[in-house]
Amino acid sequence: MARKCQMTGVGPKSGNKVSHANNKTRTRSLPNLQKKRFFVKSKKSWVTLRLTTRALRTIDKYGGDIEAAAKKYEELRKWI
């Protein structure tokens, strides 16, 4: 499974770590993904999603209603 948020589509980022001597080493930072189960009222079933912590906060803003948060993000609609 890809290290990608199923709601926002955020994936790994790459860049350089630069030393004091200006040596550049490639680095990769991964998103903070968490597995979380949500109840979908329209389907009357549970769905498990891998979301970033930022996406979880967005869902909390909508009162934990995953379908209301899905209206904001097109990417999430295909998973519900």
Protein backbone atom coordinates (compact mmCIF):
# COMPACT_ATOMS: atom_id res chain seq x y z
CA MET A 1 0.00 0.00 0.00
CA ALA A 2 1.30 3.41 -0.92
CA ARG A 3 2.25 5.89 1.78
CA LYS A 4 -0.44 8.30 0.72
CA CYS A 5 -3.34 9.92 2.54
CA GLN A 6 -6.64 8.63 1.19
CA MET A 7 -8.36 11.94 1.86
CA THR A 8 -5.94 14.66 0.85
CA GLY A 9 -3.56 12.69 -1.39
CA VAL A 10 -0.47 13.86 0.53
CA GLY A 11 2.53 11.61 -0.12
CA PRO A 12 6.23 11.48 0.71
CA LYS A 13 8.34 14.58 0.13
CA SER A 14 12.01 14.58 -0.86
CA GLY A 15 14.77 17.07 -0.33
CA ASN A 16 18.36 17.59 0.72
CA LYS A 17 19.98 17.48 4.12
CA VAL A 18 22.77 20.06 3.93
CA SER A 19 25.77 19.78 6.25
CA HIS A 20 27.92 22.60 7.55
CA ALA A 21 30.45 21.72 4.81
CA ASN A 22 27.60 22.14 2.27
CA ASN A 23 27.48 18.42 1.44
CA LYS A 24 24.03 17.45 0.15
CA THR A 25 22.41 14.14 1.02
CA ARG A 26 19.00 13.17 -0.33
CA THR A 27 16.34 12.64 2.33
CA ARG A 28 12.72 11.56 2.29
CA SER A 29 10.08 12.66 4.77
CA LEU A 30 6.98 10.53 5.13
CA PRO A 31 3.53 11.84 6.06
CA ASN A 32 2.17 11.04 9.52
CA LEU A 33 -0.38 8.40 8.51
CA GLN A 34 -2.80 6.82 10.96
CA LYS A 35 -5.35 4.05 10.45
CA LYS A 36 -8.85 5.02 11.58
CA ARG A 37 -12.29 3.42 11.26
CA PHE A 38 -15.30 5.57 10.43
CA PHE A 39 -18.98 4.72 10.29
CA VAL A 40 -20.63 5.68 7.00
CA LYS A 41 -24.28 6.40 7.75
CA SER A 42 -25.52 6.10 4.15
CA LYS A 43 -24.04 2.59 3.75
CA LYS A 44 -24.57 1.62 7.42
CA SER A 45 -21.10 0.08 7.53
CA TRP A 46 -17.60 0.76 8.78
CA VAL A 47 -14.74 1.82 6.52
CA THR A 48 -11.03 1.87 7.44
CA LEU A 49 -8.94 4.71 6.02
CA ARG A 50 -5.25 5.69 6.20
CA LEU A 51 -5.27 9.42 6.86
CA THR A 52 -2.78 12.07 7.86
CA THR A 53 -3.28 13.68 11.26
CA ARG A 54 -4.21 16.90 9.50
CA ALA A 55 -7.05 15.09 7.67
CA LEU A 56 -8.24 13.63 10.98
CA ARG A 57 -8.45 17.14 12.39
CA THR A 58 -10.48 18.23 9.37
CA ILE A 59 -12.94 15.38 9.99
CA ASP A 60 -13.16 16.40 13.66
CA LYS A 61 -14.10 19.89 12.50
CA TYR A 62 -17.16 18.38 10.81
CA GLY A 63 -18.16 16.59 14.02
CA GLY A 64 -16.68 13.26 12.97
CA ASP A 65 -19.03 13.01 9.99
CA ILE A 66 -16.92 11.48 7.24
CA GLU A 67 -19.47 12.21 4.51
CA ALA A 68 -19.60 15.92 5.34
CA ALA A 69 -15.79 16.07 5.17
CA ALA A 70 -15.84 14.15 1.87
CA LYS A 71 -17.65 17.03 0.21
CA LYS A 72 -14.51 19.11 0.66
CA TYR A 73 -12.13 16.53 -0.83
CA GLU A 74 -12.77 14.80 -4.16
CA GLU A 75 -10.06 12.22 -3.40
CA LEU A 76 -11.97 10.81 -0.41
CA ARG A 77 -15.22 10.22 -2.29
CA LYS A 78 -13.85 7.19 -4.13
CA TRP A 79 -13.01 5.43 -0.83
CA ILE A 80 -16.42 5.84 0.79
